[in-house]
Amino acid sequence: MNRILIALLVTCALTAAMVPRHRRDIHKDKVNEGTEPEEFCAPTTPCAWGIYNPTTKHIELNVTNTYCVCQQGELCLVAENDKTANAFIYQCQHRKH
């Protein structure tokens, strides 16, 4: 009987551990006009990533940061090439006139 109870507790603990603690979605309170998060990306926070094929350098997947956006007057532009991740890292940069 004790073995069955222990097995049940272990199963429940493992099942609960598999559920992600934080979902990758925008909380309703963080949404402005239903489309954009209110928070702006910090200067060192990526606004997007472009995952590319290491041989051709063609971007195969664009990933946009859903937690922040660039401020008005800024563009999300390539700032760095992370060769270890095969990704272009985009950061908010001021528009050049």
PDB file of N, CA and C in Angstrom:
ATOM      1  N   MET A   1       0.822  -1.196   0.000  1.00  0.00           N
ATOM      2  CA  MET A   1       0.000   0.000   0.000  1.00  0.00           C
ATOM      3  C   MET A   1       0.868   1.263   0.000  1.00  0.00           C
ATOM      4  N   ASN A   2       1.947   1.250   0.806  1.00  0.00           N
ATOM      5  CA  ASN A   2       2.836   2.398   0.848  1.00  0.00           C
ATOM      6  C   ASN A   2       3.517   2.629  -0.494  1.00  0.00           C
ATOM      7  N   ARG A   3       3.888   1.559  -1.186  1.00  0.00           N
ATOM      8  CA  ARG A   3       4.537   1.692  -2.488  1.00  0.00           C
ATOM      9  C   ARG A   3       3.599   2.322  -3.509  1.00  0.00           C
ATOM     10  N   ILE A   4       2.350   1.958  -3.457  1.00  0.00           N
ATOM     11  CA  ILE A   4       1.361   2.531  -4.382  1.00  0.00           C
ATOM     12  C   ILE A   4       1.197   4.011  -4.095  1.00  0.00           C
ATOM     13  N   LEU A   5       1.124   4.393  -2.840  1.00  0.00           N
ATOM     14  CA  LEU A   5       0.973   5.794  -2.461  1.00  0.00           C
ATOM     15  C   LEU A   5       2.198   6.596  -2.889  1.00  0.00           C
ATOM     16  N   ILE A   6       3.388   6.068  -2.680  1.00  0.00           N
ATOM     17  CA  ILE A   6       4.619   6.751  -3.083  1.00  0.00           C
ATOM     18  C   ILE A   6       4.674   6.897  -4.607  1.00  0.00           C
ATOM     19  N   ALA A   7       4.309   5.841  -5.319  1.00  0.00           N
ATOM     20  CA  ALA A   7       4.302   5.898  -6.782  1.00  0.00           C
ATOM     21  C   ALA A   7       3.313   6.940  -7.283  1.00  0.00           C
ATOM     22  N   LEU A   8       2.164   7.047  -6.648  1.00  0.00           N
ATOM     23  CA  LEU A   8       1.161   8.039  -7.019  1.00  0.00           C
ATOM     24  C   LEU A   8       1.677   9.450  -6.760  1.00  0.00           C
ATOM     25  N   LEU A   9       2.308   9.670  -5.632  1.00  0.00           N
ATOM     26  CA  LEU A   9       2.854  10.989  -5.313  1.00  0.00           C
ATOM     27  C   LEU A   9       3.965  11.392  -6.275  1.00  0.00           C
ATOM     28  N   VAL A  10       4.831  10.452  -6.612  1.00  0.00           N
ATOM     29  CA  VAL A  10       5.909  10.732  -7.559  1.00  0.00           C
ATOM     30  C   VAL A  10       5.332  11.067  -8.930  1.00  0.00           C
ATOM     31  N   THR A  11       4.344  10.334  -9.361  1.00  0.00           N
ATOM     32  CA  THR A  11       3.698  10.589 -10.651  1.00  0.00           C
ATOM     33  C   THR A  11       3.067  11.976 -10.677  1.00  0.00           C
ATOM     34  N   CYS A  12       2.380  12.335  -9.617  1.00  0.00           N
ATOM     35  CA  CYS A  12       1.757  13.665  -9.542  1.00  0.00           C
ATOM     36  C   CYS A  12       2.810  14.765  -9.550  1.00  0.00           C
ATOM     37  N   ALA A  13       3.898  14.574  -8.819  1.00  0.00           N
ATOM     38  CA  ALA A  13       4.957  15.579  -8.767  1.00  0.00           C
ATOM     39  C   ALA A  13       5.602  15.761 -10.129  1.00  0.00           C
ATOM     40  N   LEU A  14       5.877  14.665 -10.827  1.00  0.00           N
ATOM     41  CA  LEU A  14       6.488  14.758 -12.150  1.00  0.00           C
ATOM     42  C   LEU A  14       5.548  15.396 -13.162  1.00  0.00           C
ATOM     43  N   THR A  15       4.277  15.087 -13.072  1.00  0.00           N
ATOM     44  CA  THR A  15       3.294  15.678 -13.975  1.00  0.00           C
ATOM     45  C   THR A  15       3.203  17.175 -13.753  1.00  0.00           C
ATOM     46  N   ALA A  16       3.187  17.606 -12.503  1.00  0.00           N
ATOM     47  CA  ALA A  16       3.125  19.034 -12.198  1.00  0.00           C
ATOM     48  C   ALA A  16       4.390  19.752 -12.633  1.00  0.00           C
ATOM     49  N   ALA A  17       5.526  19.093 -12.548  1.00  0.00           N
ATOM     50  CA  ALA A  17       6.794  19.703 -12.942  1.00  0.00           C
ATOM     51  C   ALA A  17       6.882  19.915 -14.447  1.00  0.00           C
ATOM     52  N   MET A  18       6.138  19.140 -15.220  1.00  0.00           N
ATOM     53  CA  MET A  18       6.192  19.267 -16.670  1.00  0.00           C
ATOM     54  C   MET A  18       5.375  20.441 -17.196  1.00  0.00           C
ATOM     55  N   VAL A  19       4.513  21.027 -16.392  1.00  0.00           N
ATOM     56  CA  VAL A  19       3.713  22.169 -16.818  1.00  0.00           C
ATOM     57  C   VAL A  19       4.579  23.422 -16.732  1.00  0.00           C
ATOM     58  N   PRO A  20       4.703  24.199 -17.813  1.00  0.00           N
ATOM     59  CA  PRO A  20       5.548  25.388 -17.774  1.00  0.00           C
ATOM     60  C   PRO A  20       5.025  26.409 -16.761  1.00  0.00           C
ATOM     61  N   ARG A  21       5.960  27.042 -16.059  1.00  0.00           N
ATOM     62  CA  ARG A  21       5.570  28.028 -15.043  1.00  0.00           C
ATOM     63  C   ARG A  21       5.095  29.325 -15.680  1.00  0.00           C
ATOM     64  N   HIS A  22       5.730  29.718 -16.753  1.00  0.00           N
ATOM     65  CA  HIS A  22       5.373  30.982 -17.399  1.00  0.00           C
ATOM     66  C   HIS A  22       5.005  30.702 -18.848  1.00  0.00           C
ATOM     67  N   ARG A  23       3.890  31.173 -19.245  1.00  0.00           N
ATOM     68  CA  ARG A  23       3.466  31.032 -20.634  1.00  0.00           C
ATOM     69  C   ARG A  23       4.065  32.169 -21.449  1.00  0.00           C
ATOM     70  N   ARG A  24       4.369  31.914 -22.724  1.00  0.00           N
ATOM     71  CA  ARG A  24       4.939  32.954 -23.579  1.00  0.00           C
ATOM     72  C   ARG A  24       3.826  33.710 -24.288  1.00  0.00           C
ATOM     73  N   ASP A  25       3.041  34.396 -23.491  1.00  0.00           N
ATOM     74  CA  ASP A  25       2.018  35.241 -24.077  1.00  0.00           C
ATOM     75  C   ASP A  25       2.011  36.574 -23.346  1.00  0.00           C
ATOM     76  N   ILE A  26       1.373  37.533 -23.917  1.00  0.00           N
ATOM     77  CA  ILE A  26       1.311  38.861 -23.337  1.00  0.00           C
ATOM     78  C   ILE A  26       0.116  38.916 -22.402  1.00  0.00           C
ATOM     79  N   HIS A  27       0.358  39.351 -21.183  1.00  0.00           N
ATOM     80  CA  HIS A  27      -0.723  39.485 -20.209  1.00  0.00           C
ATOM     81  C   HIS A  27      -1.679  40.577 -20.672  1.00  0.00           C
ATOM     82  N   LYS A  28      -2.939  40.415 -20.406  1.00  0.00           N
ATOM     83  CA  LYS A  28      -3.942  41.376 -20.870  1.00  0.00           C
ATOM     84  C   LYS A  28      -3.667  42.782 -20.375  1.00  0.00           C
ATOM     85  N   ASP A  29      -3.082  42.931 -19.178  1.00  0.00           N
ATOM     86  CA  ASP A  29      -2.783  44.256 -18.644  1.00  0.00           C
ATOM     87  C   ASP A  29      -1.628  44.926 -19.377  1.00  0.00           C
ATOM     88  N   LYS A  30      -0.814  44.155 -20.097  1.00  0.00           N
ATOM     89  CA  LYS A  30       0.347  44.684 -20.804  1.00  0.00           C
ATOM     90  C   LYS A  30       0.016  45.081 -22.237  1.00  0.00           C
ATOM     91  N   VAL A  31      -1.228  44.976 -22.638  1.00  0.00           N
ATOM     92  CA  VAL A  31      -1.595  45.232 -24.016  1.00  0.00           C
ATOM     93  C   VAL A  31      -2.151  46.639 -24.157  1.00  0.00           C
ATOM     94  N   ASN A  32      -1.671  47.361 -25.174  1.00  0.00           N
ATOM     95  CA  ASN A  32      -2.124  48.710 -25.470  1.00  0.00           C
ATOM     96  C   ASN A  32      -2.909  48.657 -26.768  1.00  0.00           C
ATOM     97  N   GLU A  33      -4.171  48.996 -26.708  1.00  0.00           N
ATOM     98  CA  GLU A  33      -5.067  48.972 -27.873  1.00  0.00           C
ATOM     99  C   GLU A  33      -5.166  47.585 -28.489  1.00  0.00           C
ATOM    100  N   GLY A  34      -4.915  46.562 -27.711  1.00  0.00           N
ATOM    101  CA  GLY A  34      -5.114  45.201 -28.152  1.00  0.00           C
ATOM    102  C   GLY A  34      -4.038  44.619 -29.040  1.00  0.00           C
ATOM    103  N   THR A  35      -2.987  45.391 -29.372  1.00  0.00           N
ATOM    104  CA  THR A  35      -2.003  44.851 -30.292  1.00  0.00           C
ATOM    105  C   THR A  35      -0.561  44.936 -29.812  1.00  0.00           C
ATOM    106  N   GLU A  36      -0.182  45.939 -29.041  1.00  0.00           N
ATOM    107  CA  GLU A  36       1.218  46.130 -28.699  1.00  0.00           C
ATOM    108  C   GLU A  36       1.441  46.085 -27.200  1.00  0.00           C
ATOM    109  N   PRO A  37       2.551  45.508 -26.763  1.00  0.00           N
ATOM    110  CA  PRO A  37       2.873  45.576 -25.345  1.00  0.00           C
ATOM    111  C   PRO A  37       3.252  47.004 -24.977  1.00  0.00           C
ATOM    112  N   GLU A  38       3.057  47.381 -23.718  1.00  0.00           N
ATOM    113  CA  GLU A  38       3.351  48.738 -23.283  1.00  0.00           C
ATOM    114  C   GLU A  38       4.834  48.949 -23.041  1.00  0.00           C
ATOM    115  N   GLU A  39       5.583  47.907 -22.807  1.00  0.00           N
ATOM    116  CA  GLU A  39       6.980  48.066 -22.437  1.00  0.00           C
ATOM    117  C   GLU A  39       7.868  48.208 -23.669  1.00  0.00           C
ATOM    118  N   PHE A  40       8.852  49.101 -23.539  1.00  0.00           N
ATOM    119  CA  PHE A  40       9.813  49.309 -24.611  1.00  0.00           C
ATOM    120  C   PHE A  40      11.058  48.482 -24.343  1.00  0.00           C
ATOM    121  N   CYS A  41      11.699  48.031 -25.413  1.00  0.00           N
ATOM    122  CA  CYS A  41      12.911  47.227 -25.279  1.00  0.00           C
ATOM    123  C   CYS A  41      14.045  48.090 -24.726  1.00  0.00           C
ATOM    124  N   ALA A  42      14.785  47.537 -23.790  1.00  0.00           N
ATOM    125  CA  ALA A  42      15.977  48.206 -23.259  1.00  0.00           C
ATOM    126  C   ALA A  42      17.035  48.247 -24.360  1.00  0.00           C
ATOM    127  N   PRO A  43      18.025  49.122 -24.238  1.00  0.00           N
ATOM    128  CA  PRO A  43      19.040  49.232 -25.302  1.00  0.00           C
ATOM    129  C   PRO A  43      19.767  47.925 -25.626  1.00  0.00           C
ATOM    130  N   THR A  44      19.915  47.035 -24.655  1.00  0.00           N
ATOM    131  CA  THR A  44      20.620  45.778 -24.914  1.00  0.00           C
ATOM    132  C   THR A  44      19.688  44.590 -25.117  1.00  0.00           C
ATOM    133  N   THR A  45      18.383  44.834 -25.061  1.00  0.00           N
ATOM    134  CA  THR A  45      17.410  43.754 -25.238  1.00  0.00           C
ATOM    135  C   THR A  45      17.078  43.581 -26.715  1.00  0.00           C
ATOM    136  N   PRO A  46      17.211  42.376 -27.249  1.00  0.00           N
ATOM    137  CA  PRO A  46      16.858  42.164 -28.653  1.00  0.00           C
ATOM    138  C   PRO A  46      15.364  42.402 -28.906  1.00  0.00           C
ATOM    139  N   CYS A  47      15.062  43.022 -30.026  1.00  0.00           N
ATOM    140  CA  CYS A  47      13.663  43.190 -30.428  1.00  0.00           C
ATOM    141  C   CYS A  47      13.257  42.071 -31.379  1.00  0.00           C
ATOM    142  N   ALA A  48      14.257  41.349 -31.914  1.00  0.00           N
ATOM    143  CA  ALA A  48      13.971  40.229 -32.818  1.00  0.00           C
ATOM    144  C   ALA A  48      15.247  39.422 -33.049  1.00  0.00           C
ATOM    145  N   TRP A  49      15.052  38.245 -33.632  1.00  0.00           N
ATOM    146  CA  TRP A  49      16.156  37.369 -34.006  1.00  0.00           C
ATOM    147  C   TRP A  49      15.856  36.824 -35.392  1.00  0.00           C
ATOM    148  N   GLY A  50      16.864  36.702 -36.205  1.00  0.00           N
ATOM    149  CA  GLY A  50      16.740  36.088 -37.529  1.00  0.00           C
ATOM    150  C   GLY A  50      17.613  34.853 -37.571  1.00  0.00           C
ATOM    151  N   ILE A  51      17.007  33.682 -37.516  1.00  0.00           N
ATOM    152  CA  ILE A  51      17.748  32.424 -37.530  1.00  0.00           C
ATOM    153  C   ILE A  51      18.054  32.076 -38.987  1.00  0.00           C
ATOM    154  N   TYR A  52      19.334  31.879 -39.283  1.00  0.00           N
ATOM    155  CA  TYR A  52      19.711  31.661 -40.681  1.00  0.00           C
ATOM    156  C   TYR A  52      20.417  30.326 -40.898  1.00  0.00           C
ATOM    157  N   ASN A  53      20.442  29.920 -42.169  1.00  0.00           N
ATOM    158  CA  ASN A  53      21.190  28.738 -42.591  1.00  0.00           C
ATOM    159  C   ASN A  53      22.660  29.126 -42.591  1.00  0.00           C
ATOM    160  N   PRO A  54      23.520  28.414 -41.863  1.00  0.00           N
ATOM    161  CA  PRO A  54      24.922  28.813 -41.767  1.00  0.00           C
ATOM    162  C   PRO A  54      25.687  28.770 -43.088  1.00  0.00           C
ATOM    163  N   THR A  55      25.237  27.977 -44.014  1.00  0.00           N
ATOM    164  CA  THR A  55      25.925  27.869 -45.301  1.00  0.00           C
ATOM    165  C   THR A  55      25.549  29.020 -46.230  1.00  0.00           C
ATOM    166  N   THR A  56      24.263  29.317 -46.329  1.00  0.00           N
ATOM    167  CA  THR A  56      23.796  30.323 -47.282  1.00  0.00           C
ATOM    168  C   THR A  56      23.556  31.698 -46.666  1.00  0.00           C
ATOM    169  N   LYS A  57      23.440  31.764 -45.339  1.00  0.00           N
ATOM    170  CA  LYS A  57      23.110  32.994 -44.593  1.00  0.00           C
ATOM    171  C   LYS A  57      21.694  33.498 -44.893  1.00  0.00           C
ATOM    172  N   HIS A  58      20.871  32.677 -45.549  1.00  0.00           N
ATOM    173  CA  HIS A  58      19.481  33.056 -45.780  1.00  0.00           C
ATOM    174  C   HIS A  58      18.690  32.834 -44.493  1.00  0.00           C
ATOM    175  N   ILE A  59      17.899  33.828 -44.138  1.00  0.00           N
ATOM    176  CA  ILE A  59      17.102  33.726 -42.918  1.00  0.00           C
ATOM    177  C   ILE A  59      15.977  32.721 -43.140  1.00  0.00           C
ATOM    178  N   GLU A  60      15.901  31.748 -42.239  1.00  0.00           N
ATOM    179  CA  GLU A  60      14.882  30.705 -42.326  1.00  0.00           C
ATOM    180  C   GLU A  60      13.737  30.946 -41.355  1.00  0.00           C
ATOM    181  N   LEU A  61      13.999  31.702 -40.284  1.00  0.00           N
ATOM    182  CA  LEU A  61      12.968  31.945 -39.282  1.00  0.00           C
ATOM    183  C   LEU A  61      13.190  33.303 -38.637  1.00  0.00           C
ATOM    184  N   ASN A  62      12.162  34.135 -38.621  1.00  0.00           N
ATOM    185  CA  ASN A  62      12.197  35.415 -37.915  1.00  0.00           C
ATOM    186  C   ASN A  62      11.405  35.273 -36.634  1.00  0.00           C
ATOM    187  N   VAL A  63      12.005  35.675 -35.528  1.00  0.00           N
ATOM    188  CA  VAL A  63      11.346  35.614 -34.223  1.00  0.00           C
ATOM    189  C   VAL A  63      11.289  37.026 -33.671  1.00  0.00           C
ATOM    190  N   THR A  64      10.090  37.527 -33.421  1.00  0.00           N
ATOM    191  CA  THR A  64       9.902  38.862 -32.878  1.00  0.00           C
ATOM    192  C   THR A  64       9.705  38.772 -31.373  1.00  0.00           C
ATOM    193  N   ASN A  65      10.339  39.669 -30.636  1.00  0.00           N
ATOM    194  CA  ASN A  65      10.183  39.716 -29.183  1.00  0.00           C
ATOM    195  C   ASN A  65       8.748  40.149 -28.881  1.00  0.00           C
ATOM    196  N   THR A  66       8.027  39.336 -28.116  1.00  0.00           N
ATOM    197  CA  THR A  66       6.625  39.650 -27.796  1.00  0.00           C
ATOM    198  C   THR A  66       6.486  40.394 -26.480  1.00  0.00           C
ATOM    199  N   TYR A  67       7.597  40.627 -25.788  1.00  0.00           N
ATOM    200  CA  TYR A  67       7.537  41.287 -24.488  1.00  0.00           C
ATOM    201  C   TYR A  67       7.818  42.774 -24.555  1.00  0.00           C
ATOM    202  N   CYS A  68       8.428  43.250 -25.635  1.00  0.00           N
ATOM    203  CA  CYS A  68       8.707  44.677 -25.738  1.00  0.00           C
ATOM    204  C   CYS A  68       8.720  45.081 -27.209  1.00  0.00           C
ATOM    205  N   VAL A  69       8.616  46.397 -27.421  1.00  0.00           N
ATOM    206  CA  VAL A  69       8.649  46.960 -28.773  1.00  0.00           C
ATOM    207  C   VAL A  69       9.617  48.137 -28.766  1.00  0.00           C
ATOM    208  N   CYS A  70      10.024  48.548 -29.953  1.00  0.00           N
ATOM    209  CA  CYS A  70      10.882  49.721 -30.072  1.00  0.00           C
ATOM    210  C   CYS A  70      10.064  50.983 -29.826  1.00  0.00           C
ATOM    211  N   GLN A  71      10.735  51.984 -29.270  1.00  0.00           N
ATOM    212  CA  GLN A  71      10.068  53.256 -29.027  1.00  0.00           C
ATOM    213  C   GLN A  71       9.839  53.979 -30.343  1.00  0.00           C
ATOM    214  N   GLN A  72       8.971  54.986 -30.307  1.00  0.00           N
ATOM    215  CA  GLN A  72       8.708  55.776 -31.501  1.00  0.00           C
ATOM    216  C   GLN A  72      10.010  56.448 -31.927  1.00  0.00           C
ATOM    217  N   GLY A  73      10.314  56.414 -33.205  1.00  0.00           N
ATOM    218  CA  GLY A  73      11.550  56.978 -33.719  1.00  0.00           C
ATOM    219  C   GLY A  73      12.684  55.972 -33.797  1.00  0.00           C
ATOM    220  N   GLU A  74      12.431  54.728 -33.385  1.00  0.00           N
ATOM    221  CA  GLU A  74      13.437  53.686 -33.461  1.00  0.00           C
ATOM    222  C   GLU A  74      12.985  52.589 -34.410  1.00  0.00           C
ATOM    223  N   LEU A  75      13.955  51.888 -34.990  1.00  0.00           N
ATOM    224  CA  LEU A  75      13.684  50.750 -35.860  1.00  0.00           C
ATOM    225  C   LEU A  75      14.369  49.518 -35.290  1.00  0.00           C
ATOM    226  N   CYS A  76      13.801  48.359 -35.545  1.00  0.00           N
ATOM    227  CA  CYS A  76      14.385  47.093 -35.124  1.00  0.00           C
ATOM    228  C   CYS A  76      15.333  46.643 -36.237  1.00  0.00           C
ATOM    229  N   LEU A  77      16.646  46.845 -36.034  1.00  0.00           N
ATOM    230  CA  LEU A  77      17.643  46.594 -37.068  1.00  0.00           C
ATOM    231  C   LEU A  77      18.698  45.599 -36.586  1.00  0.00           C
ATOM    232  N   VAL A  78      19.377  44.966 -37.531  1.00  0.00           N
ATOM    233  CA  VAL A  78      20.435  44.015 -37.183  1.00  0.00           C
ATOM    234  C   VAL A  78      21.537  44.760 -36.435  1.00  0.00           C
ATOM    235  N   ALA A  79      21.899  44.234 -35.262  1.00  0.00           N
ATOM    236  CA  ALA A  79      22.942  44.838 -34.447  1.00  0.00           C
ATOM    237  C   ALA A  79      24.137  43.909 -34.292  1.00  0.00           C
ATOM    238  N   GLU A  80      23.911  42.605 -34.466  1.00  0.00           N
ATOM    239  CA  GLU A  80      24.962  41.639 -34.160  1.00  0.00           C
ATOM    240  C   GLU A  80      24.700  40.342 -34.913  1.00  0.00           C
ATOM    241  N   ASN A  81      25.782  39.626 -35.213  1.00  0.00           N
ATOM    242  CA  ASN A  81      25.686  38.304 -35.832  1.00  0.00           C
ATOM    243  C   ASN A  81      26.233  37.296 -34.831  1.00  0.00           C
ATOM    244  N   ASP A  82      25.350  36.512 -34.223  1.00  0.00           N
ATOM    245  CA  ASP A  82      25.775  35.481 -33.270  1.00  0.00           C
ATOM    246  C   ASP A  82      26.030  34.205 -34.063  1.00  0.00           C
ATOM    247  N   LYS A  83      27.282  33.995 -34.442  1.00  0.00           N
ATOM    248  CA  LYS A  83      27.633  32.847 -35.283  1.00  0.00           C
ATOM    249  C   LYS A  83      27.454  31.520 -34.556  1.00  0.00           C
ATOM    250  N   THR A  84      27.567  31.519 -33.225  1.00  0.00           N
ATOM    251  CA  THR A  84      27.384  30.270 -32.486  1.00  0.00           C
ATOM    252  C   THR A  84      25.932  29.819 -32.496  1.00  0.00           C
ATOM    253  N   ALA A  85      25.002  30.756 -32.656  1.00  0.00           N
ATOM    254  CA  ALA A  85      23.580  30.419 -32.700  1.00  0.00           C
ATOM    255  C   ALA A  85      23.015  30.497 -34.114  1.00  0.00           C
ATOM    256  N   ASN A  86      23.862  30.859 -35.089  1.00  0.00           N
ATOM    257  CA  ASN A  86      23.395  31.060 -36.469  1.00  0.00           C
ATOM    258  C   ASN A  86      22.205  32.010 -36.495  1.00  0.00           C
ATOM    259  N   ALA A  87      22.390  33.168 -35.838  1.00  0.00           N
ATOM    260  CA  ALA A  87      21.285  34.115 -35.728  1.00  0.00           C
ATOM    261  C   ALA A  87      21.780  35.552 -35.810  1.00  0.00           C
ATOM    262  N   PHE A  88      21.019  36.364 -36.542  1.00  0.00           N
ATOM    263  CA  PHE A  88      21.214  37.804 -36.505  1.00  0.00           C
ATOM    264  C   PHE A  88      20.390  38.315 -35.330  1.00  0.00           C
ATOM    265  N   ILE A  89      20.993  39.153 -34.511  1.00  0.00           N
ATOM    266  CA  ILE A  89      20.291  39.719 -33.362  1.00  0.00           C
ATOM    267  C   ILE A  89      19.922  41.162 -33.704  1.00  0.00           C
ATOM    268  N   TYR A  90      18.649  41.472 -33.571  1.00  0.00           N
ATOM    269  CA  TYR A  90      18.137  42.797 -33.870  1.00  0.00           C
ATOM    270  C   TYR A  90      17.935  43.570 -32.572  1.00  0.00           C
ATOM    271  N   GLN A  91      18.264  44.868 -32.609  1.00  0.00           N
ATOM    272  CA  GLN A  91      18.026  45.743 -31.461  1.00  0.00           C
ATOM    273  C   GLN A  91      17.431  47.039 -31.954  1.00  0.00           C
ATOM    274  N   CYS A  92      16.727  47.733 -31.064  1.00  0.00           N
ATOM    275  CA  CYS A  92      16.127  49.019 -31.410  1.00  0.00           C
ATOM    276  C   CYS A  92      17.231  50.049 -31.601  1.00  0.00           C
ATOM    277  N   GLN A  93      17.176  50.727 -32.740  1.00  0.00           N
ATOM    278  CA  GLN A  93      18.169  51.755 -33.053  1.00  0.00           C
ATOM    279  C   GLN A  93      17.447  52.982 -33.587  1.00  0.00           C
ATOM    280  N   HIS A  94      18.002  54.152 -33.267  1.00  0.00           N
ATOM    281  CA  HIS A  94      17.402  55.401 -33.736  1.00  0.00           C
ATOM    282  C   HIS A  94      17.487  55.490 -35.257  1.00  0.00           C
ATOM    283  N   ARG A  95      16.450  56.043 -35.826  1.00  0.00           N
ATOM    284  CA  ARG A  95      16.423  56.233 -37.277  1.00  0.00           C
ATOM    285  C   ARG A  95      17.492  57.245 -37.678  1.00  0.00           C
ATOM    286  N   LYS A  96      18.189  56.956 -38.748  1.00  0.00           N
ATOM    287  CA  LYS A  96      19.175  57.891 -39.276  1.00  0.00           C
ATOM    288  C   LYS A  96      18.524  58.681 -40.387  1.00  0.00           C
ATOM    289  N   HIS A  97      18.572  59.990 -40.279  1.00  0.00           N
ATOM    290  CA  HIS A  97      17.912  60.847 -41.280  1.00  0.00           C
ATOM    291  C   HIS A  97      18.835  61.168 -42.402  1.00  0.00           C
TER     292      HIS A  97
END
